Amino acid sequence: MDIKITNDSENKMLGRREISASATYADKTPTREEIRQELCKKLGLDPQLVEIREIRQQYGLRVSDVTAYSYSSKDSMARLVKYRGKKGAKPEAKSSAKAT
C-alpha cells in the first residue's frame, strides 16, 4: 500500500492535525487499522492518538481517499471522538440498577 499526503493542516482550536491522503493498493481495500499503521509510520505519529475518520473508495479503482485526525493528547481525543464501532454494537453503558 502506498499513501500520498494531499493535505496536512493544524487545527489549534481543537488540538489536532487534520490529514487528507490518497491510498493506493494492489489488493482489497485496506482496513482502518492498516491505514492507521501506514500513516503513523509515514508521518511519525502515535497510533493511539490517530483517528481514521473516513475511507472513500473510488468505484472500480484501487485508490481510496482517507481523512484522518491526529490529536495532541489523549484528553483532547477523549473530548472530541465519539464511539465508532461495528453497526449494532454500542459502547458499554453504565448500569443504573434501581432498588424496588
Foldseek 3Di string as FASTA:
>chain_A
DDKDWDDWAADVVLQKIKTKIKDADDDDQDDQVVVLVVVCVVVVADSVQKDWDDWADDPPHRMTITIMMGGPDPVSCVVPDDDDDDPPDDPDDDDDDDDD
